[in-house]
N, C-alpha and C. Protein backbone atom coordinates (compact mmCIF):
# COMPACT_ATOMS: atom_id res chain seq x y z
N MET A 1 2.48 9.83 -25.20
CA MET A 1 1.45 10.31 -24.28
C MET A 1 0.61 9.15 -23.77
N GLY A 2 0.34 8.16 -24.65
CA GLY A 2 -0.44 7.00 -24.23
C GLY A 2 0.22 6.23 -23.11
N LEU A 3 1.56 6.10 -23.18
CA LEU A 3 2.30 5.41 -22.13
C LEU A 3 2.20 6.17 -20.82
N LEU A 4 2.26 7.50 -20.89
CA LEU A 4 2.15 8.32 -19.68
C LEU A 4 0.79 8.12 -19.01
N VAL A 5 -0.27 8.07 -19.81
CA VAL A 5 -1.62 7.85 -19.27
C VAL A 5 -1.70 6.47 -18.64
N PHE A 6 -1.12 5.46 -19.30
CA PHE A 6 -1.12 4.11 -18.75
C PHE A 6 -0.38 4.07 -17.41
N LEU A 7 0.80 4.66 -17.35
CA LEU A 7 1.57 4.67 -16.10
C LEU A 7 0.81 5.42 -15.01
N TRP A 8 0.16 6.52 -15.37
CA TRP A 8 -0.63 7.27 -14.40
C TRP A 8 -1.75 6.38 -13.84
N ALA A 9 -2.40 5.60 -14.70
CA ALA A 9 -3.48 4.72 -14.26
C ALA A 9 -2.96 3.64 -13.32
N VAL A 10 -1.78 3.08 -13.63
CA VAL A 10 -1.19 2.05 -12.77
C VAL A 10 -0.86 2.63 -11.40
N VAL A 11 -0.19 3.78 -11.38
CA VAL A 11 0.18 4.40 -10.11
C VAL A 11 -1.07 4.79 -9.33
N SER A 12 -2.09 5.32 -10.02
CA SER A 12 -3.33 5.71 -9.34
C SER A 12 -4.02 4.51 -8.72
N SER A 13 -4.03 3.37 -9.42
CA SER A 13 -4.68 2.19 -8.86
C SER A 13 -3.89 1.66 -7.67
N GLN A 14 -2.57 1.79 -7.71
CA GLN A 14 -1.76 1.38 -6.57
C GLN A 14 -2.03 2.29 -5.38
N ALA A 15 -2.24 3.57 -5.64
CA ALA A 15 -2.51 4.52 -4.55
C ALA A 15 -3.80 4.17 -3.83
N ALA A 16 -4.77 3.60 -4.57
CA ALA A 16 -6.04 3.23 -3.94
C ALA A 16 -5.85 2.12 -2.92
N ASP A 17 -4.79 1.33 -3.06
CA ASP A 17 -4.52 0.23 -2.15
C ASP A 17 -3.72 0.66 -0.92
N LEU A 18 -3.31 1.91 -0.86
CA LEU A 18 -2.48 2.38 0.25
C LEU A 18 -3.33 2.68 1.48
N PRO A 19 -2.73 2.59 2.66
CA PRO A 19 -3.47 2.96 3.87
C PRO A 19 -3.78 4.45 3.87
N PRO A 20 -4.75 4.87 4.68
CA PRO A 20 -5.09 6.29 4.71
C PRO A 20 -3.92 7.12 5.24
N LEU A 21 -3.89 8.37 4.81
CA LEU A 21 -2.88 9.30 5.33
C LEU A 21 -3.19 9.57 6.80
N THR A 22 -2.15 9.78 7.58
CA THR A 22 -2.34 10.07 9.00
C THR A 22 -2.15 11.57 9.25
N HIS A 23 -2.35 11.98 10.47
CA HIS A 23 -2.13 13.39 10.82
C HIS A 23 -1.18 13.52 12.01
N ASN A 24 -0.43 12.47 12.28
CA ASN A 24 0.52 12.50 13.40
C ASN A 24 1.82 13.17 12.98
N LEU A 25 2.33 14.00 13.86
CA LEU A 25 3.65 14.61 13.69
C LEU A 25 4.51 14.17 14.86
N THR A 26 5.79 13.92 14.62
CA THR A 26 6.70 13.53 15.69
C THR A 26 7.49 14.76 16.14
N ALA A 27 7.37 15.10 17.41
CA ALA A 27 8.17 16.20 17.96
C ALA A 27 9.63 15.78 17.93
N VAL A 28 10.50 16.68 17.50
CA VAL A 28 11.93 16.38 17.41
C VAL A 28 12.59 16.82 18.71
N LYS A 29 13.17 15.85 19.41
CA LYS A 29 13.81 16.13 20.71
C LYS A 29 14.97 17.10 20.54
N GLY A 30 15.03 18.06 21.43
CA GLY A 30 16.14 19.02 21.41
C GLY A 30 16.00 20.11 20.37
N SER A 31 15.03 20.00 19.50
CA SER A 31 14.80 21.00 18.44
C SER A 31 16.11 21.48 17.81
N PRO A 32 16.81 20.59 17.08
CA PRO A 32 18.08 21.00 16.46
C PRO A 32 17.87 22.06 15.38
N LEU A 33 18.92 22.82 15.13
CA LEU A 33 18.87 23.79 14.04
C LEU A 33 18.69 23.07 12.71
N ALA A 34 17.87 23.63 11.86
CA ALA A 34 17.66 23.05 10.54
C ALA A 34 18.92 23.21 9.71
N PRO A 35 19.28 22.17 8.94
CA PRO A 35 20.43 22.30 8.04
C PRO A 35 20.15 23.38 6.98
N LEU A 36 21.19 23.79 6.31
CA LEU A 36 21.03 24.75 5.23
C LEU A 36 20.32 24.10 4.05
N LEU A 37 19.62 24.90 3.30
CA LEU A 37 18.98 24.43 2.07
C LEU A 37 18.89 25.61 1.14
N ARG A 38 19.49 25.47 -0.02
CA ARG A 38 19.50 26.54 -1.02
C ARG A 38 19.35 25.88 -2.38
N LEU A 39 18.15 25.99 -2.95
CA LEU A 39 17.84 25.34 -4.22
C LEU A 39 17.06 26.28 -5.13
N LYS A 40 17.02 25.93 -6.42
CA LYS A 40 16.22 26.70 -7.37
C LYS A 40 14.78 26.21 -7.34
N ASN A 41 13.87 27.16 -7.56
CA ASN A 41 12.47 26.79 -7.71
C ASN A 41 12.17 26.59 -9.20
N MET A 42 10.93 26.35 -9.52
CA MET A 42 10.56 26.07 -10.91
C MET A 42 10.59 27.31 -11.79
N ASP A 43 10.77 28.48 -11.19
CA ASP A 43 10.94 29.72 -11.94
C ASP A 43 12.42 30.08 -12.06
N ASP A 44 13.29 29.13 -11.71
CA ASP A 44 14.74 29.29 -11.80
C ASP A 44 15.28 30.35 -10.83
N GLU A 45 14.55 30.58 -9.73
CA GLU A 45 14.99 31.51 -8.69
C GLU A 45 15.54 30.71 -7.52
N ILE A 46 16.58 31.25 -6.88
CA ILE A 46 17.16 30.60 -5.71
C ILE A 46 16.29 30.85 -4.48
N VAL A 47 15.98 29.78 -3.76
CA VAL A 47 15.27 29.88 -2.49
C VAL A 47 16.21 29.38 -1.41
N ASP A 48 16.46 30.20 -0.41
CA ASP A 48 17.36 29.87 0.69
C ASP A 48 16.56 29.92 1.98
N ILE A 49 16.45 28.79 2.69
CA ILE A 49 15.60 28.80 3.88
C ILE A 49 16.17 29.70 4.98
N LYS A 50 17.45 29.98 4.92
CA LYS A 50 18.04 30.90 5.90
C LYS A 50 17.37 32.28 5.80
N ALA A 51 17.01 32.67 4.59
CA ALA A 51 16.35 33.96 4.38
C ALA A 51 14.91 33.95 4.89
N LEU A 52 14.38 32.77 5.20
CA LEU A 52 13.00 32.65 5.68
C LEU A 52 12.90 32.59 7.20
N GLN A 53 14.06 32.71 7.88
CA GLN A 53 14.01 32.68 9.35
C GLN A 53 13.08 33.78 9.84
N GLY A 54 12.31 33.47 10.86
CA GLY A 54 11.28 34.38 11.34
C GLY A 54 9.90 33.93 10.87
N LYS A 55 9.88 32.92 10.01
CA LYS A 55 8.64 32.30 9.56
C LYS A 55 8.69 30.82 9.91
N VAL A 56 7.54 30.21 10.05
CA VAL A 56 7.47 28.76 10.20
C VAL A 56 7.57 28.17 8.80
N ILE A 57 8.40 27.15 8.64
CA ILE A 57 8.60 26.52 7.34
C ILE A 57 8.12 25.08 7.40
N VAL A 58 7.24 24.72 6.49
CA VAL A 58 6.83 23.33 6.30
C VAL A 58 7.60 22.86 5.07
N LEU A 59 8.58 21.99 5.29
CA LEU A 59 9.51 21.57 4.25
C LEU A 59 9.27 20.10 3.92
N ASN A 60 8.77 19.84 2.73
CA ASN A 60 8.36 18.50 2.31
C ASN A 60 9.30 17.99 1.22
N PHE A 61 9.90 16.81 1.45
CA PHE A 61 10.73 16.15 0.45
C PHE A 61 9.87 15.09 -0.23
N TRP A 62 9.84 15.09 -1.56
CA TRP A 62 8.92 14.24 -2.30
C TRP A 62 9.46 13.90 -3.69
N ALA A 63 8.76 13.02 -4.39
CA ALA A 63 9.07 12.68 -5.78
C ALA A 63 7.76 12.34 -6.50
N THR A 64 7.74 12.51 -7.81
CA THR A 64 6.51 12.26 -8.57
C THR A 64 6.15 10.78 -8.62
N TRP A 65 7.13 9.89 -8.48
CA TRP A 65 6.88 8.45 -8.57
C TRP A 65 6.40 7.86 -7.25
N CYS A 66 6.35 8.65 -6.20
CA CYS A 66 6.04 8.20 -4.84
C CYS A 66 4.53 8.36 -4.57
N PRO A 67 3.76 7.25 -4.49
CA PRO A 67 2.31 7.37 -4.28
C PRO A 67 1.90 8.18 -3.05
N PRO A 68 2.50 7.99 -1.86
CA PRO A 68 2.07 8.83 -0.73
C PRO A 68 2.41 10.31 -0.94
N CYS A 69 3.51 10.58 -1.64
CA CYS A 69 3.87 11.98 -1.94
C CYS A 69 2.78 12.62 -2.80
N ARG A 70 2.35 11.89 -3.79
CA ARG A 70 1.32 12.39 -4.70
C ARG A 70 0.02 12.63 -3.95
N ARG A 71 -0.31 11.71 -3.06
CA ARG A 71 -1.58 11.80 -2.33
C ARG A 71 -1.62 12.99 -1.38
N GLU A 72 -0.49 13.33 -0.79
CA GLU A 72 -0.50 14.41 0.20
C GLU A 72 -0.34 15.80 -0.42
N MET A 73 -0.05 15.88 -1.70
CA MET A 73 0.22 17.18 -2.34
C MET A 73 -0.97 18.14 -2.21
N SER A 74 -2.19 17.66 -2.41
CA SER A 74 -3.35 18.57 -2.31
C SER A 74 -3.56 19.04 -0.87
N SER A 75 -3.23 18.19 0.10
CA SER A 75 -3.39 18.62 1.50
C SER A 75 -2.31 19.64 1.88
N LEU A 76 -1.13 19.54 1.27
CA LEU A 76 -0.10 20.57 1.48
C LEU A 76 -0.59 21.91 0.93
N GLU A 77 -1.24 21.86 -0.23
CA GLU A 77 -1.79 23.09 -0.81
C GLU A 77 -2.85 23.69 0.11
N LYS A 78 -3.71 22.85 0.67
CA LYS A 78 -4.74 23.35 1.59
C LYS A 78 -4.11 23.94 2.86
N LEU A 79 -3.06 23.31 3.36
CA LEU A 79 -2.34 23.87 4.51
C LEU A 79 -1.75 25.23 4.14
N HIS A 80 -1.14 25.30 2.97
CA HIS A 80 -0.57 26.57 2.50
C HIS A 80 -1.64 27.66 2.46
N LEU A 81 -2.79 27.36 1.88
CA LEU A 81 -3.86 28.36 1.77
C LEU A 81 -4.40 28.75 3.15
N ALA A 82 -4.48 27.78 4.06
CA ALA A 82 -5.02 28.06 5.40
C ALA A 82 -4.06 28.87 6.27
N THR A 83 -2.77 28.84 5.95
CA THR A 83 -1.77 29.48 6.82
C THR A 83 -0.96 30.57 6.13
N ALA A 84 -1.29 30.90 4.90
CA ALA A 84 -0.47 31.83 4.10
C ALA A 84 -0.30 33.19 4.76
N GLU A 85 -1.27 33.64 5.50
CA GLU A 85 -1.18 34.97 6.12
C GLU A 85 -0.77 34.88 7.58
N LYS A 86 -0.18 33.77 7.98
CA LYS A 86 0.19 33.56 9.39
C LYS A 86 1.70 33.33 9.56
N ASP A 87 2.53 33.91 8.73
CA ASP A 87 3.99 33.72 8.79
C ASP A 87 4.38 32.26 8.63
N VAL A 88 3.72 31.56 7.72
CA VAL A 88 4.03 30.16 7.43
C VAL A 88 4.37 30.05 5.94
N VAL A 89 5.44 29.32 5.64
CA VAL A 89 5.85 29.07 4.27
C VAL A 89 5.87 27.57 4.04
N VAL A 90 5.21 27.12 2.99
CA VAL A 90 5.25 25.71 2.60
C VAL A 90 6.19 25.60 1.41
N LEU A 91 7.14 24.67 1.49
CA LEU A 91 8.08 24.40 0.41
C LEU A 91 8.08 22.90 0.13
N ALA A 92 8.07 22.52 -1.13
CA ALA A 92 8.16 21.12 -1.50
C ALA A 92 9.45 20.93 -2.30
N VAL A 93 10.33 20.04 -1.83
CA VAL A 93 11.60 19.78 -2.49
C VAL A 93 11.48 18.49 -3.27
N ASN A 94 11.49 18.60 -4.60
CA ASN A 94 11.46 17.40 -5.42
C ASN A 94 12.85 16.79 -5.46
N ILE A 95 12.90 15.50 -5.25
CA ILE A 95 14.17 14.78 -5.15
C ILE A 95 14.42 13.93 -6.40
N GLY A 96 15.57 14.16 -7.03
CA GLY A 96 16.07 13.27 -8.06
C GLY A 96 15.42 13.32 -9.42
N GLU A 97 14.63 14.35 -9.68
CA GLU A 97 13.95 14.42 -10.97
C GLU A 97 14.24 15.76 -11.64
N ASP A 98 14.14 15.78 -12.97
CA ASP A 98 14.41 17.02 -13.68
C ASP A 98 13.15 17.90 -13.71
N GLU A 99 13.36 19.14 -14.08
CA GLU A 99 12.28 20.12 -14.06
C GLU A 99 11.13 19.71 -14.99
N GLU A 100 11.44 19.13 -16.13
CA GLU A 100 10.39 18.73 -17.07
C GLU A 100 9.47 17.67 -16.47
N THR A 101 10.04 16.71 -15.76
CA THR A 101 9.24 15.67 -15.11
C THR A 101 8.31 16.28 -14.06
N VAL A 102 8.86 17.18 -13.25
CA VAL A 102 8.07 17.83 -12.21
C VAL A 102 6.98 18.70 -12.83
N PHE A 103 7.33 19.45 -13.86
CA PHE A 103 6.36 20.32 -14.53
C PHE A 103 5.23 19.50 -15.13
N SER A 104 5.56 18.38 -15.76
CA SER A 104 4.53 17.50 -16.34
C SER A 104 3.60 16.97 -15.26
N PHE A 105 4.17 16.59 -14.12
CA PHE A 105 3.35 16.09 -13.01
C PHE A 105 2.38 17.17 -12.53
N MET A 106 2.86 18.40 -12.42
CA MET A 106 2.01 19.49 -11.95
C MET A 106 0.82 19.72 -12.88
N GLY A 107 1.00 19.37 -14.16
CA GLY A 107 -0.07 19.55 -15.13
C GLY A 107 -1.16 18.50 -15.06
N VAL A 108 -0.91 17.39 -14.38
CA VAL A 108 -1.92 16.31 -14.35
C VAL A 108 -2.56 16.10 -12.99
N ILE A 109 -2.07 16.77 -11.95
CA ILE A 109 -2.70 16.58 -10.64
C ILE A 109 -3.92 17.49 -10.51
N ASP A 110 -4.82 17.10 -9.62
CA ASP A 110 -6.07 17.84 -9.44
C ASP A 110 -5.83 19.28 -8.99
N THR A 111 -4.94 19.45 -8.01
CA THR A 111 -4.68 20.77 -7.45
C THR A 111 -3.19 21.05 -7.51
N ALA A 112 -2.77 21.81 -8.50
CA ALA A 112 -1.35 22.15 -8.60
C ALA A 112 -1.01 23.13 -7.47
N PRO A 113 0.14 22.94 -6.84
CA PRO A 113 0.49 23.81 -5.71
C PRO A 113 0.77 25.25 -6.14
N THR A 114 0.36 26.16 -5.27
CA THR A 114 0.69 27.57 -5.47
C THR A 114 1.87 27.97 -4.59
N PHE A 115 2.36 27.03 -3.78
CA PHE A 115 3.55 27.27 -2.97
C PHE A 115 4.78 26.88 -3.79
N PRO A 116 5.98 27.33 -3.39
CA PRO A 116 7.18 27.03 -4.16
C PRO A 116 7.55 25.54 -4.16
N VAL A 117 7.87 25.06 -5.35
CA VAL A 117 8.40 23.71 -5.53
C VAL A 117 9.87 23.87 -5.89
N LEU A 118 10.74 23.31 -5.05
CA LEU A 118 12.18 23.42 -5.26
C LEU A 118 12.68 22.15 -5.92
N LEU A 119 13.78 22.29 -6.67
CA LEU A 119 14.31 21.17 -7.43
C LEU A 119 15.68 20.76 -6.90
N ASP A 120 15.81 19.48 -6.60
CA ASP A 120 17.09 18.89 -6.18
C ASP A 120 17.33 17.66 -7.06
N PRO A 121 17.67 17.88 -8.35
CA PRO A 121 17.78 16.77 -9.28
C PRO A 121 18.89 15.77 -8.93
N ASP A 122 19.88 16.20 -8.17
CA ASP A 122 20.98 15.31 -7.78
C ASP A 122 20.79 14.72 -6.39
N SER A 123 19.68 15.02 -5.75
CA SER A 123 19.33 14.49 -4.42
C SER A 123 20.37 14.80 -3.35
N LEU A 124 21.05 15.93 -3.48
CA LEU A 124 22.12 16.27 -2.54
C LEU A 124 21.61 16.65 -1.16
N SER A 125 20.39 17.15 -1.08
CA SER A 125 19.86 17.58 0.22
C SER A 125 19.47 16.41 1.13
N LEU A 126 19.29 15.23 0.57
CA LEU A 126 18.86 14.08 1.38
C LEU A 126 19.80 13.78 2.53
N GLU A 127 21.09 13.82 2.28
CA GLU A 127 22.07 13.50 3.32
C GLU A 127 22.08 14.55 4.42
N HIS A 128 22.09 15.83 4.03
CA HIS A 128 22.12 16.91 5.04
C HIS A 128 20.89 16.88 5.93
N TRP A 129 19.76 16.52 5.35
CA TRP A 129 18.50 16.52 6.08
C TRP A 129 18.16 15.15 6.68
N LYS A 130 19.02 14.18 6.45
CA LYS A 130 18.83 12.83 6.99
C LYS A 130 17.47 12.24 6.60
N VAL A 131 17.12 12.44 5.34
CA VAL A 131 15.87 11.89 4.81
C VAL A 131 16.09 10.41 4.52
N GLN A 132 15.28 9.58 5.14
CA GLN A 132 15.44 8.13 4.98
C GLN A 132 14.36 7.51 4.12
N GLY A 133 13.35 8.27 3.79
CA GLY A 133 12.27 7.78 2.94
C GLY A 133 11.42 8.94 2.48
N LEU A 134 10.69 8.72 1.41
CA LEU A 134 9.82 9.76 0.88
C LEU A 134 8.37 9.34 1.06
N PRO A 135 7.52 10.28 1.37
CA PRO A 135 7.82 11.67 1.70
C PRO A 135 8.33 11.82 3.13
N THR A 136 9.14 12.83 3.33
CA THR A 136 9.55 13.25 4.67
C THR A 136 9.31 14.75 4.76
N THR A 137 8.71 15.16 5.86
CA THR A 137 8.39 16.57 6.06
C THR A 137 8.94 17.04 7.40
N TYR A 138 9.54 18.22 7.38
CA TYR A 138 10.03 18.87 8.59
C TYR A 138 9.23 20.14 8.79
N ILE A 139 8.89 20.42 10.04
CA ILE A 139 8.27 21.70 10.37
C ILE A 139 9.26 22.46 11.23
N ILE A 140 9.69 23.60 10.72
CA ILE A 140 10.77 24.38 11.31
C ILE A 140 10.16 25.63 11.94
N ASP A 141 10.54 25.90 13.19
CA ASP A 141 9.96 27.06 13.88
C ASP A 141 10.60 28.36 13.40
N LYS A 142 10.13 29.48 13.94
CA LYS A 142 10.61 30.80 13.53
C LYS A 142 12.09 31.02 13.82
N ASN A 143 12.65 30.26 14.75
CA ASN A 143 14.06 30.39 15.11
C ASN A 143 14.96 29.48 14.27
N GLY A 144 14.38 28.80 13.29
CA GLY A 144 15.18 27.93 12.43
C GLY A 144 15.46 26.57 13.04
N LYS A 145 14.67 26.18 14.05
CA LYS A 145 14.86 24.88 14.70
C LYS A 145 13.76 23.91 14.26
N ILE A 146 14.15 22.65 14.10
CA ILE A 146 13.20 21.63 13.67
C ILE A 146 12.31 21.26 14.86
N ALA A 147 11.02 21.54 14.73
CA ALA A 147 10.06 21.25 15.79
C ALA A 147 9.40 19.89 15.61
N TYR A 148 9.05 19.56 14.36
CA TYR A 148 8.35 18.30 14.07
C TYR A 148 8.93 17.65 12.81
N ARG A 149 8.73 16.33 12.75
CA ARG A 149 9.13 15.57 11.57
C ARG A 149 8.03 14.56 11.28
N ALA A 150 7.82 14.28 10.02
CA ALA A 150 6.85 13.26 9.61
C ALA A 150 7.47 12.46 8.47
N VAL A 151 7.55 11.15 8.63
CA VAL A 151 8.02 10.27 7.57
C VAL A 151 6.81 9.48 7.09
N GLY A 152 6.53 9.57 5.80
CA GLY A 152 5.34 8.94 5.25
C GLY A 152 4.28 9.99 4.98
N GLY A 153 3.25 9.59 4.27
CA GLY A 153 2.20 10.51 3.87
C GLY A 153 1.39 11.05 5.03
N ARG A 154 1.03 12.31 4.95
CA ARG A 154 0.25 12.97 5.98
C ARG A 154 -0.92 13.72 5.37
N GLU A 155 -1.93 13.93 6.18
CA GLU A 155 -3.09 14.72 5.82
C GLU A 155 -2.84 16.12 6.40
N PHE A 156 -2.09 16.94 5.66
CA PHE A 156 -1.62 18.22 6.19
C PHE A 156 -2.74 19.24 6.43
N ASP A 157 -3.90 19.01 5.86
CA ASP A 157 -5.01 19.92 6.11
C ASP A 157 -5.88 19.46 7.29
N HIS A 158 -5.40 18.47 8.02
CA HIS A 158 -6.12 18.01 9.22
C HIS A 158 -6.04 19.12 10.27
N PRO A 159 -7.14 19.37 11.01
CA PRO A 159 -7.14 20.45 12.01
C PRO A 159 -6.01 20.35 13.03
N ASP A 160 -5.61 19.15 13.43
CA ASP A 160 -4.52 19.00 14.41
C ASP A 160 -3.20 19.54 13.86
N ILE A 161 -2.92 19.25 12.60
CA ILE A 161 -1.67 19.74 12.00
C ILE A 161 -1.74 21.25 11.81
N ILE A 162 -2.85 21.74 11.29
CA ILE A 162 -2.99 23.19 11.11
C ILE A 162 -2.83 23.90 12.45
N ARG A 163 -3.42 23.36 13.49
CA ARG A 163 -3.32 23.96 14.83
C ARG A 163 -1.86 24.01 15.30
N LYS A 164 -1.11 22.92 15.09
CA LYS A 164 0.31 22.90 15.52
C LYS A 164 1.13 23.92 14.75
N VAL A 165 0.90 24.00 13.45
CA VAL A 165 1.66 24.94 12.62
C VAL A 165 1.32 26.38 13.00
N VAL A 166 0.05 26.69 13.17
CA VAL A 166 -0.36 28.04 13.55
C VAL A 166 0.17 28.39 14.94
N SER A 167 0.16 27.43 15.85
CA SER A 167 0.69 27.66 17.20
C SER A 167 2.17 28.05 17.14
N LEU A 168 2.94 27.37 16.30
CA LEU A 168 4.36 27.74 16.13
C LEU A 168 4.48 29.15 15.56
N ALA A 169 3.61 29.49 14.62
CA ALA A 169 3.66 30.81 13.99
C ALA A 169 3.31 31.93 14.97
N GLN A 170 2.52 31.62 15.99
CA GLN A 170 2.11 32.63 16.96
C GLN A 170 3.16 32.88 18.03
N LYS A 171 4.14 31.99 18.13
CA LYS A 171 5.19 32.16 19.14
C LYS A 171 6.18 33.23 18.71
N SER A 172 6.76 33.89 19.68
CA SER A 172 7.76 34.93 19.41
C SER A 172 9.10 34.31 19.07
N LEU A 173 9.92 35.07 18.38
CA LEU A 173 11.30 34.66 18.14
C LEU A 173 12.07 34.68 19.45
N ASN A 174 12.97 33.73 19.63
CA ASN A 174 13.81 33.71 20.85
C ASN A 174 15.13 34.38 20.58
């Protein structure tokens, strides 16, 4: 346990040296269809994004060892709480780590997420989703098309991001 506290202190001090999180989202040209994603959550239930069509999906790829991923987790929770009743689903896909590591991390962060955390211990989804760095977040519209992408840490509770997500949720299905 002492080693875990030491490592947490080292990572936390490194996070203090990082630039501030931004609130920019990149519109994805052509709005391609989102790839399939079917993973277990931390309750050992299968979550399939195909079953979520008709809702806006904020899909975040992250890892516990990634300082910007750790920093943006509480803002993802705030986005989730701000949009939960607006046909918006926030999902966080942990990459390359086992459930015990993720569960331990959730126990030490200030605000543990109430949205689903999916597990991809073999990192198989990275190739299908063309994730080139962590964190990477996709915002998928109600029709299952990728509307926005963000590579790097974001301040997801920023009014500009909330406005974009809610705007997508208010649009009709095509």
